[in-house]
Amino acid sequence: MDKINWYIIFCSTALLAGSIQLNAAEHEHEHHEAHIHGEAQLLLAMEDNTLEMELLSPAMNMVGFEHQPANEAQARAVESAVNTLKQTGRIFSFPDTAKCDSVSVEVVSPLTENDQHVDEEEVHSDFKAHYHFRCAEISRLERIEVQLFSAFPGIEVIEVQSISKRGQRKLDLTPEHNTLEL
């Protein structure tokens, strides 16, 4: 199975596991149930020499608001958040011995779109960032220091779900404990 399909299956399984717990009424609004200010989610998958991560965070954590930018200062805040999320070396720190290089980064948010029409039922906006790394010595990737807390003080907890050489894990990172042991 190729790595991308494997990662998509992992993410889908993780999301499905969370949604199964919801009853029928909650199912219609499951996106809103997962949207908690101060919290972010990080999905991580390792296979062969590939490391894939996906970050999902309410816009409130990143820029302090969830509506389309209303002025130039808010537009700059959104642009700054996107630029920071694209700077992988600023938000993730890997051991040098793992020799990890960023292959691609994609950051999306409804706040970055020029379309000023927002669905009236859509009251929450999220940032989603997808990271693809290639690690020449992935067996030496024993930990990742997640520095999102210093870049985005609105993030208080990052809920991590990972599949790595240690198996499947779920844990929380905080500003005081921001290192993910793999």
N, C-alpha and C. Protein backbone atom coordinates (compact mmCIF):
# COMPACT_ATOMS: atom_id res chain seq x y z
N MET A 1 0.86 -1.17 0.00
CA MET A 1 0.00 0.00 0.00
C MET A 1 0.90 1.23 0.00
N ASP A 2 0.64 2.16 -0.89
CA ASP A 2 1.52 3.33 -0.93
C ASP A 2 1.28 4.22 0.28
N LYS A 3 2.25 5.05 0.59
CA LYS A 3 2.26 5.83 1.82
C LYS A 3 1.09 6.79 1.91
N ILE A 4 0.76 7.45 0.83
CA ILE A 4 -0.31 8.43 0.86
C ILE A 4 -1.64 7.74 1.16
N ASN A 5 -1.92 6.62 0.49
CA ASN A 5 -3.16 5.89 0.76
C ASN A 5 -3.20 5.41 2.21
N TRP A 6 -2.05 4.95 2.70
CA TRP A 6 -1.96 4.49 4.08
C TRP A 6 -2.29 5.63 5.03
N TYR A 7 -1.77 6.82 4.76
CA TYR A 7 -2.02 7.99 5.61
C TYR A 7 -3.49 8.38 5.55
N ILE A 8 -4.09 8.37 4.37
CA ILE A 8 -5.50 8.71 4.23
C ILE A 8 -6.36 7.72 5.02
N ILE A 9 -6.02 6.44 4.94
CA ILE A 9 -6.76 5.44 5.70
C ILE A 9 -6.61 5.70 7.20
N PHE A 10 -5.38 6.02 7.63
CA PHE A 10 -5.15 6.33 9.05
C PHE A 10 -6.01 7.49 9.50
N CYS A 11 -5.97 8.58 8.75
CA CYS A 11 -6.74 9.77 9.13
C CYS A 11 -8.24 9.48 9.13
N SER A 12 -8.69 8.76 8.12
CA SER A 12 -10.11 8.42 8.04
C SER A 12 -10.52 7.55 9.21
N THR A 13 -9.68 6.57 9.56
CA THR A 13 -9.97 5.69 10.68
C THR A 13 -10.03 6.48 11.98
N ALA A 14 -9.07 7.38 12.17
CA ALA A 14 -9.05 8.20 13.40
C ALA A 14 -10.30 9.06 13.49
N LEU A 15 -10.67 9.67 12.39
CA LEU A 15 -11.87 10.52 12.39
C LEU A 15 -13.13 9.69 12.57
N LEU A 16 -13.18 8.51 11.94
CA LEU A 16 -14.33 7.63 12.07
C LEU A 16 -14.48 7.15 13.50
N ALA A 17 -13.38 6.80 14.14
CA ALA A 17 -13.44 6.33 15.52
C ALA A 17 -14.07 7.38 16.43
N GLY A 18 -13.73 8.62 16.20
CA GLY A 18 -14.31 9.70 17.00
C GLY A 18 -15.78 9.91 16.70
N SER A 19 -16.15 9.76 15.44
CA SER A 19 -17.54 10.05 15.08
C SER A 19 -18.49 8.92 15.46
N ILE A 20 -18.00 7.71 15.61
CA ILE A 20 -18.86 6.59 15.99
C ILE A 20 -19.47 6.82 17.36
N GLN A 21 -18.76 7.54 18.21
CA GLN A 21 -19.23 7.77 19.57
C GLN A 21 -20.38 8.77 19.63
N LEU A 22 -20.65 9.44 18.57
CA LEU A 22 -21.71 10.46 18.57
C LEU A 22 -23.05 9.82 18.25
N ASN A 23 -24.12 10.32 18.88
CA ASN A 23 -25.43 9.81 18.52
C ASN A 23 -25.91 10.50 17.26
N ALA A 24 -27.06 10.13 16.75
CA ALA A 24 -27.52 10.65 15.46
C ALA A 24 -27.68 12.16 15.46
N ALA A 25 -28.19 12.74 16.52
CA ALA A 25 -28.36 14.20 16.56
C ALA A 25 -27.02 14.91 16.57
N GLU A 26 -26.08 14.37 17.30
CA GLU A 26 -24.75 14.99 17.37
C GLU A 26 -23.99 14.80 16.06
N HIS A 27 -24.26 13.72 15.36
CA HIS A 27 -23.54 13.43 14.12
C HIS A 27 -23.65 14.58 13.13
N GLU A 28 -24.82 15.20 13.05
CA GLU A 28 -25.02 16.29 12.10
C GLU A 28 -24.09 17.46 12.39
N HIS A 29 -23.67 17.61 13.64
CA HIS A 29 -22.84 18.75 14.04
C HIS A 29 -21.49 18.29 14.58
N GLU A 30 -20.95 17.17 14.11
CA GLU A 30 -19.72 16.65 14.70
C GLU A 30 -18.55 17.60 14.53
N HIS A 31 -18.50 18.37 13.46
CA HIS A 31 -17.40 19.33 13.30
C HIS A 31 -17.42 20.33 14.45
N HIS A 32 -18.60 20.78 14.82
CA HIS A 32 -18.71 21.77 15.88
C HIS A 32 -18.36 21.16 17.23
N GLU A 33 -18.65 19.88 17.44
CA GLU A 33 -18.32 19.23 18.69
C GLU A 33 -16.81 19.14 18.88
N ALA A 34 -16.05 18.95 17.81
CA ALA A 34 -14.61 18.81 17.90
C ALA A 34 -13.92 20.16 17.99
N HIS A 35 -14.63 21.21 17.78
CA HIS A 35 -14.07 22.56 17.71
C HIS A 35 -14.07 23.17 19.11
N ILE A 36 -12.95 23.07 19.81
CA ILE A 36 -12.84 23.59 21.17
C ILE A 36 -11.70 24.59 21.22
N HIS A 37 -12.02 25.81 21.60
CA HIS A 37 -10.98 26.84 21.68
C HIS A 37 -9.92 26.42 22.70
N GLY A 38 -8.66 26.65 22.35
CA GLY A 38 -7.54 26.26 23.21
C GLY A 38 -6.99 24.90 22.88
N GLU A 39 -7.75 24.09 22.15
CA GLU A 39 -7.31 22.74 21.79
C GLU A 39 -7.02 22.65 20.30
N ALA A 40 -6.04 21.82 19.96
CA ALA A 40 -5.72 21.51 18.57
C ALA A 40 -5.52 20.00 18.49
N GLN A 41 -5.60 19.47 17.29
CA GLN A 41 -5.37 18.04 17.07
C GLN A 41 -4.19 17.88 16.12
N LEU A 42 -3.39 16.85 16.39
CA LEU A 42 -2.27 16.52 15.53
C LEU A 42 -2.32 15.03 15.25
N LEU A 43 -2.47 14.67 13.98
CA LEU A 43 -2.42 13.28 13.54
C LEU A 43 -1.04 13.04 12.97
N LEU A 44 -0.43 11.92 13.33
CA LEU A 44 0.93 11.62 12.89
C LEU A 44 0.99 10.17 12.45
N ALA A 45 1.65 9.93 11.32
CA ALA A 45 1.85 8.57 10.83
C ALA A 45 3.26 8.45 10.28
N MET A 46 3.93 7.35 10.64
CA MET A 46 5.28 7.05 10.16
C MET A 46 5.26 5.72 9.44
N GLU A 47 5.93 5.67 8.30
CA GLU A 47 6.11 4.41 7.59
C GLU A 47 7.32 4.55 6.69
N ASP A 48 8.14 3.51 6.68
CA ASP A 48 9.40 3.53 5.91
C ASP A 48 10.15 4.81 6.26
N ASN A 49 10.44 5.64 5.29
CA ASN A 49 11.17 6.88 5.58
C ASN A 49 10.25 8.11 5.51
N THR A 50 8.96 7.88 5.63
CA THR A 50 7.98 8.96 5.49
C THR A 50 7.32 9.28 6.83
N LEU A 51 7.20 10.57 7.10
CA LEU A 51 6.49 11.07 8.26
C LEU A 51 5.43 12.03 7.74
N GLU A 52 4.17 11.75 8.06
CA GLU A 52 3.05 12.61 7.67
C GLU A 52 2.41 13.13 8.95
N MET A 53 2.10 14.41 8.96
CA MET A 53 1.41 15.01 10.09
C MET A 53 0.32 15.93 9.57
N GLU A 54 -0.78 15.96 10.31
CA GLU A 54 -1.85 16.89 9.98
C GLU A 54 -2.29 17.59 11.26
N LEU A 55 -2.29 18.90 11.22
CA LEU A 55 -2.68 19.74 12.35
C LEU A 55 -4.03 20.36 12.05
N LEU A 56 -4.93 20.32 13.02
CA LEU A 56 -6.23 20.97 12.91
C LEU A 56 -6.44 21.81 14.16
N SER A 57 -6.71 23.10 13.96
CA SER A 57 -6.88 24.00 15.09
C SER A 57 -7.94 25.05 14.78
N PRO A 58 -8.77 25.38 15.77
CA PRO A 58 -9.69 26.51 15.58
C PRO A 58 -8.90 27.78 15.27
N ALA A 59 -9.45 28.59 14.39
CA ALA A 59 -8.79 29.85 14.03
C ALA A 59 -8.60 30.74 15.25
N MET A 60 -9.49 30.64 16.22
CA MET A 60 -9.36 31.45 17.44
C MET A 60 -8.00 31.23 18.10
N ASN A 61 -7.50 29.99 18.08
CA ASN A 61 -6.19 29.68 18.67
C ASN A 61 -5.06 30.35 17.90
N MET A 62 -5.26 30.52 16.61
CA MET A 62 -4.18 30.97 15.74
C MET A 62 -4.15 32.48 15.55
N VAL A 63 -5.33 33.09 15.41
CA VAL A 63 -5.39 34.52 15.08
C VAL A 63 -6.29 35.33 16.01
N GLY A 64 -7.03 34.66 16.89
CA GLY A 64 -7.86 35.38 17.84
C GLY A 64 -9.26 35.72 17.37
N PHE A 65 -9.64 35.24 16.19
CA PHE A 65 -11.00 35.44 15.68
C PHE A 65 -11.31 34.32 14.70
N GLU A 66 -12.61 34.18 14.34
CA GLU A 66 -13.03 33.10 13.45
C GLU A 66 -13.85 33.57 12.26
N HIS A 67 -13.92 34.83 12.04
CA HIS A 67 -14.68 35.38 10.92
C HIS A 67 -13.70 35.81 9.83
N GLN A 68 -14.24 36.11 8.66
CA GLN A 68 -13.39 36.64 7.60
C GLN A 68 -12.70 37.89 8.12
N PRO A 69 -11.45 38.12 7.76
CA PRO A 69 -10.76 39.33 8.23
C PRO A 69 -11.59 40.58 7.91
N ALA A 70 -11.80 41.40 8.94
CA ALA A 70 -12.63 42.60 8.79
C ALA A 70 -11.81 43.84 8.49
N ASN A 71 -10.48 43.73 8.64
CA ASN A 71 -9.63 44.88 8.38
C ASN A 71 -8.23 44.40 8.01
N GLU A 72 -7.37 45.34 7.71
CA GLU A 72 -6.01 45.00 7.26
C GLU A 72 -5.22 44.29 8.36
N ALA A 73 -5.39 44.68 9.60
CA ALA A 73 -4.67 44.04 10.70
C ALA A 73 -5.06 42.57 10.83
N GLN A 74 -6.35 42.27 10.69
CA GLN A 74 -6.79 40.88 10.76
C GLN A 74 -6.30 40.09 9.55
N ALA A 75 -6.29 40.70 8.38
CA ALA A 75 -5.78 40.03 7.18
C ALA A 75 -4.30 39.70 7.37
N ARG A 76 -3.55 40.62 7.96
CA ARG A 76 -2.12 40.36 8.22
C ARG A 76 -1.95 39.25 9.25
N ALA A 77 -2.83 39.19 10.24
CA ALA A 77 -2.76 38.13 11.25
C ALA A 77 -2.97 36.75 10.61
N VAL A 78 -3.93 36.66 9.69
CA VAL A 78 -4.17 35.39 8.99
C VAL A 78 -2.95 35.03 8.14
N GLU A 79 -2.44 35.99 7.39
CA GLU A 79 -1.27 35.74 6.55
C GLU A 79 -0.07 35.32 7.40
N SER A 80 0.12 35.95 8.53
CA SER A 80 1.22 35.61 9.42
C SER A 80 1.07 34.19 9.97
N ALA A 81 -0.15 33.81 10.34
CA ALA A 81 -0.39 32.46 10.84
C ALA A 81 -0.08 31.42 9.78
N VAL A 82 -0.52 31.66 8.55
CA VAL A 82 -0.24 30.73 7.45
C VAL A 82 1.27 30.62 7.24
N ASN A 83 1.95 31.75 7.20
CA ASN A 83 3.41 31.74 7.00
C ASN A 83 4.12 31.00 8.12
N THR A 84 3.68 31.19 9.35
CA THR A 84 4.30 30.49 10.48
C THR A 84 4.07 28.99 10.37
N LEU A 85 2.86 28.57 10.03
CA LEU A 85 2.57 27.14 9.88
C LEU A 85 3.39 26.50 8.77
N LYS A 86 3.79 27.27 7.79
CA LYS A 86 4.61 26.74 6.69
C LYS A 86 6.08 26.63 7.06
N GLN A 87 6.50 27.26 8.14
CA GLN A 87 7.89 27.21 8.59
C GLN A 87 8.08 26.00 9.50
N THR A 88 8.28 24.86 8.90
CA THR A 88 8.32 23.61 9.67
C THR A 88 9.41 23.62 10.73
N GLY A 89 10.54 24.24 10.45
CA GLY A 89 11.62 24.29 11.43
C GLY A 89 11.29 25.14 12.64
N ARG A 90 10.33 26.01 12.50
CA ARG A 90 9.92 26.87 13.62
C ARG A 90 8.92 26.16 14.54
N ILE A 91 8.16 25.22 13.99
CA ILE A 91 7.13 24.60 14.82
C ILE A 91 7.38 23.14 15.17
N PHE A 92 8.30 22.48 14.46
CA PHE A 92 8.67 21.10 14.78
C PHE A 92 10.19 21.01 14.84
N SER A 93 10.68 20.30 15.85
CA SER A 93 12.11 20.09 15.98
C SER A 93 12.38 18.59 16.04
N PHE A 94 13.21 18.11 15.11
CA PHE A 94 13.55 16.70 15.03
C PHE A 94 15.01 16.51 15.42
N PRO A 95 15.38 15.33 15.94
CA PRO A 95 16.80 15.07 16.18
C PRO A 95 17.56 15.13 14.85
N ASP A 96 18.71 15.77 14.87
CA ASP A 96 19.52 15.87 13.65
C ASP A 96 19.86 14.50 13.07
N THR A 97 20.03 13.50 13.94
CA THR A 97 20.42 12.17 13.49
C THR A 97 19.35 11.51 12.62
N ALA A 98 18.10 11.95 12.71
CA ALA A 98 17.03 11.37 11.89
C ALA A 98 17.07 11.87 10.46
N LYS A 99 17.74 12.99 10.23
CA LYS A 99 17.89 13.57 8.89
C LYS A 99 16.54 13.75 8.19
N CYS A 100 15.64 14.47 8.85
CA CYS A 100 14.30 14.72 8.30
C CYS A 100 14.28 16.02 7.52
N ASP A 101 13.72 15.96 6.33
CA ASP A 101 13.56 17.13 5.47
C ASP A 101 12.09 17.29 5.10
N SER A 102 11.65 18.53 5.08
CA SER A 102 10.29 18.82 4.67
C SER A 102 10.16 18.61 3.16
N VAL A 103 9.17 17.84 2.76
CA VAL A 103 8.91 17.59 1.34
C VAL A 103 7.80 18.52 0.85
N SER A 104 6.74 18.66 1.67
CA SER A 104 5.65 19.55 1.29
C SER A 104 4.87 19.98 2.52
N VAL A 105 4.26 21.15 2.38
CA VAL A 105 3.40 21.71 3.42
C VAL A 105 2.20 22.33 2.72
N GLU A 106 1.01 22.06 3.23
CA GLU A 106 -0.20 22.68 2.71
C GLU A 106 -1.00 23.21 3.89
N VAL A 107 -1.34 24.48 3.84
CA VAL A 107 -2.13 25.11 4.90
C VAL A 107 -3.41 25.65 4.27
N VAL A 108 -4.56 25.29 4.86
CA VAL A 108 -5.84 25.78 4.35
C VAL A 108 -6.69 26.28 5.51
N SER A 109 -7.50 27.27 5.21
CA SER A 109 -8.46 27.82 6.17
C SER A 109 -9.49 28.63 5.39
N PRO A 110 -10.73 28.61 5.82
CA PRO A 110 -11.73 29.47 5.17
C PRO A 110 -11.35 30.95 5.27
N LEU A 111 -10.53 31.30 6.25
CA LEU A 111 -10.14 32.70 6.42
C LEU A 111 -9.16 33.17 5.35
N THR A 112 -8.54 32.23 4.64
CA THR A 112 -7.59 32.61 3.59
C THR A 112 -8.26 32.77 2.25
N GLU A 113 -9.52 32.38 2.17
CA GLU A 113 -10.24 32.46 0.91
C GLU A 113 -10.77 33.87 0.71
N ASN A 114 -10.79 34.33 -0.52
CA ASN A 114 -11.28 35.67 -0.83
C ASN A 114 -12.80 35.75 -0.85
N ASP A 115 -13.45 34.60 -0.84
CA ASP A 115 -14.91 34.58 -0.87
C ASP A 115 -15.45 35.13 0.44
N GLN A 116 -16.10 36.28 0.41
CA GLN A 116 -16.62 36.91 1.62
C GLN A 116 -17.93 36.29 2.07
N HIS A 117 -18.55 35.44 1.22
CA HIS A 117 -19.79 34.78 1.62
C HIS A 117 -19.45 33.60 2.52
N VAL A 118 -19.95 33.62 3.72
CA VAL A 118 -19.73 32.54 4.66
C VAL A 118 -21.08 31.93 4.97
N ASP A 119 -21.18 30.61 4.89
CA ASP A 119 -22.41 29.91 5.21
C ASP A 119 -22.87 30.32 6.60
N GLU A 120 -24.12 30.73 6.72
CA GLU A 120 -24.62 31.22 8.00
C GLU A 120 -24.55 30.16 9.09
N GLU A 121 -24.63 28.88 8.72
CA GLU A 121 -24.53 27.83 9.73
C GLU A 121 -23.08 27.59 10.12
N GLU A 122 -22.14 28.02 9.32
CA GLU A 122 -20.72 27.81 9.61
C GLU A 122 -20.24 28.93 10.52
N VAL A 123 -20.23 28.66 11.82
CA VAL A 123 -19.84 29.68 12.78
C VAL A 123 -18.41 29.48 13.27
N HIS A 124 -17.78 28.38 12.90
CA HIS A 124 -16.42 28.09 13.33
C HIS A 124 -15.51 28.00 12.11
N SER A 125 -14.31 28.49 12.25
CA SER A 125 -13.31 28.37 11.19
C SER A 125 -12.08 27.70 11.77
N ASP A 126 -11.50 26.81 11.00
CA ASP A 126 -10.31 26.09 11.42
C ASP A 126 -9.16 26.34 10.47
N PHE A 127 -7.97 26.15 10.98
CA PHE A 127 -6.78 26.06 10.15
C PHE A 127 -6.43 24.58 10.08
N LYS A 128 -6.10 24.12 8.88
CA LYS A 128 -5.63 22.75 8.70
C LYS A 128 -4.30 22.81 7.98
N ALA A 129 -3.30 22.14 8.54
CA ALA A 129 -1.98 22.11 7.92
C ALA A 129 -1.56 20.65 7.75
N HIS A 130 -1.12 20.31 6.55
CA HIS A 130 -0.65 18.96 6.25
C HIS A 130 0.85 19.04 5.98
N TYR A 131 1.61 18.19 6.66
CA TYR A 131 3.07 18.17 6.55
C TYR A 131 3.54 16.80 6.07
N HIS A 132 4.44 16.82 5.10
CA HIS A 132 5.05 15.59 4.59
C HIS A 132 6.56 15.74 4.75
N PHE A 133 7.17 14.82 5.49
CA PHE A 133 8.62 14.82 5.70
C PHE A 133 9.21 13.52 5.20
N ARG A 134 10.43 13.58 4.76
CA ARG A 134 11.20 12.39 4.42
C ARG A 134 12.38 12.37 5.38
N CYS A 135 12.55 11.25 6.09
CA CYS A 135 13.61 11.10 7.08
C CYS A 135 14.54 9.98 6.63
N ALA A 136 15.78 10.33 6.28
CA ALA A 136 16.74 9.35 5.79
C ALA A 136 17.05 8.29 6.85
N GLU A 137 17.00 8.67 8.10
CA GLU A 137 17.27 7.75 9.22
C GLU A 137 16.07 7.75 10.17
N ILE A 138 14.91 7.35 9.65
CA ILE A 138 13.69 7.45 10.46
C ILE A 138 13.76 6.60 11.72
N SER A 139 14.58 5.55 11.72
CA SER A 139 14.72 4.74 12.93
C SER A 139 15.33 5.54 14.08
N ARG A 140 15.97 6.65 13.76
CA ARG A 140 16.55 7.52 14.79
C ARG A 140 15.61 8.67 15.19
N LEU A 141 14.44 8.67 14.61
CA LEU A 141 13.45 9.67 14.97
C LEU A 141 12.73 9.18 16.23
N GLU A 142 13.29 9.54 17.37
CA GLU A 142 12.78 9.07 18.65
C GLU A 142 11.82 10.04 19.30
N ARG A 143 11.85 11.30 18.86
CA ARG A 143 10.99 12.31 19.47
C ARG A 143 10.83 13.48 18.51
N ILE A 144 9.77 14.22 18.72
CA ILE A 144 9.51 15.47 18.00
C ILE A 144 9.13 16.52 19.03
N GLU A 145 9.86 17.61 19.03
CA GLU A 145 9.48 18.72 19.90
C GLU A 145 8.51 19.60 19.12
N VAL A 146 7.32 19.77 19.67
CA VAL A 146 6.27 20.53 19.02
C VAL A 146 6.27 21.94 19.62
N GLN A 147 6.63 22.92 18.80
CA GLN A 147 6.81 24.28 19.28
C GLN A 147 5.64 25.19 18.90
N LEU A 148 4.50 24.60 18.63
CA LEU A 148 3.31 25.39 18.28
C LEU A 148 2.86 26.28 19.42
N PHE A 149 3.12 25.87 20.64
CA PHE A 149 2.65 26.65 21.80
C PHE A 149 3.29 28.03 21.85
N SER A 150 4.57 28.11 21.52
CA SER A 150 5.23 29.41 21.54
C SER A 150 4.84 30.25 20.33
N ALA A 151 4.58 29.60 19.21
CA ALA A 151 4.18 30.33 18.00
C ALA A 151 2.73 30.80 18.10
N PHE A 152 1.89 30.02 18.77
CA PHE A 152 0.46 30.32 18.88
C PHE A 152 0.02 30.14 20.34
N PRO A 153 0.17 31.17 21.16
CA PRO A 153 -0.17 31.06 22.58
C PRO A 153 -1.63 30.70 22.86
N GLY A 154 -2.51 30.84 21.88
CA GLY A 154 -3.90 30.45 22.05
C GLY A 154 -4.09 28.95 22.14
N ILE A 155 -3.08 28.18 21.75
CA ILE A 155 -3.14 26.72 21.85
C ILE A 155 -2.69 26.33 23.25
N GLU A 156 -3.57 25.66 23.98
CA GLU A 156 -3.28 25.22 25.34
C GLU A 156 -2.98 23.73 25.42
N VAL A 157 -3.62 22.95 24.55
CA VAL A 157 -3.46 21.50 24.53
C VAL A 157 -3.48 21.03 23.08
N ILE A 158 -2.59 20.10 22.75
CA ILE A 158 -2.62 19.45 21.44
C ILE A 158 -2.89 17.98 21.67
N GLU A 159 -4.02 17.50 21.17
CA GLU A 159 -4.37 16.09 21.26
C GLU A 159 -3.70 15.38 20.09
N VAL A 160 -2.81 14.45 20.40
CA VAL A 160 -2.03 13.75 19.38
C VAL A 160 -2.55 12.33 19.23
N GLN A 161 -2.76 11.92 17.99
CA GLN A 161 -3.02 10.52 17.65
C GLN A 161 -1.91 10.13 16.70
N SER A 162 -1.20 9.05 17.03
CA SER A 162 -0.05 8.69 16.20
C SER A 162 -0.03 7.20 15.91
N ILE A 163 0.55 6.90 14.77
CA ILE A 163 0.92 5.54 14.40
C ILE A 163 2.40 5.61 14.09
N SER A 164 3.19 4.90 14.89
CA SER A 164 4.63 4.92 14.71
C SER A 164 5.18 3.54 15.05
N LYS A 165 6.49 3.47 15.18
CA LYS A 165 7.12 2.19 15.52
C LYS A 165 6.67 1.68 16.89
N ARG A 166 6.12 2.55 17.73
CA ARG A 166 5.61 2.16 19.04
C ARG A 166 4.15 1.73 18.98
N GLY A 167 3.57 1.72 17.79
CA GLY A 167 2.17 1.36 17.64
C GLY A 167 1.28 2.59 17.64
N GLN A 168 0.00 2.36 17.90
CA GLN A 168 -0.97 3.46 17.94
C GLN A 168 -0.98 4.06 19.33
N ARG A 169 -1.02 5.40 19.37
CA ARG A 169 -1.03 6.09 20.66
C ARG A 169 -1.91 7.31 20.57
N LYS A 170 -2.43 7.69 21.73
CA LYS A 170 -3.16 8.94 21.86
C LYS A 170 -2.64 9.61 23.12
N LEU A 171 -2.26 10.88 23.01
CA LEU A 171 -1.75 11.60 24.17
C LEU A 171 -1.95 13.09 23.97
N ASP A 172 -1.78 13.82 25.05
CA ASP A 172 -1.92 15.27 25.01
C ASP A 172 -0.56 15.92 25.22
N LEU A 173 -0.29 16.96 24.44
CA LEU A 173 0.89 17.80 24.64
C LEU A 173 0.42 19.12 25.22
N THR A 174 1.26 19.72 26.05
CA THR A 174 0.97 21.02 26.66
C THR A 174 2.21 21.89 26.52
N PRO A 175 2.11 23.17 26.82
CA PRO A 175 3.30 24.02 26.76
C PRO A 175 4.44 23.51 27.66
N GLU A 176 4.10 22.89 28.78
CA GLU A 176 5.11 22.36 29.69
C GLU A 176 5.66 21.02 29.23
N HIS A 177 4.86 20.25 28.53
CA HIS A 177 5.25 18.92 28.04
C HIS A 177 4.96 18.86 26.54
N ASN A 178 5.89 19.41 25.76
CA ASN A 178 5.65 19.57 24.32
C ASN A 178 6.48 18.63 23.46
N THR A 179 7.02 17.57 24.06
CA THR A 179 7.83 16.63 23.29
C THR A 179 7.06 15.33 23.12
N LEU A 180 6.91 14.93 21.87
CA LEU A 180 6.25 13.68 21.52
C LEU A 180 7.31 12.60 21.40
N GLU A 181 7.26 11.62 22.30
CA GLU A 181 8.20 10.50 22.26
C GLU A 181 7.66 9.46 21.29
N LEU A 182 8.48 9.09 20.32
CA LEU A 182 8.05 8.11 19.33
C LEU A 182 8.65 6.76 19.65
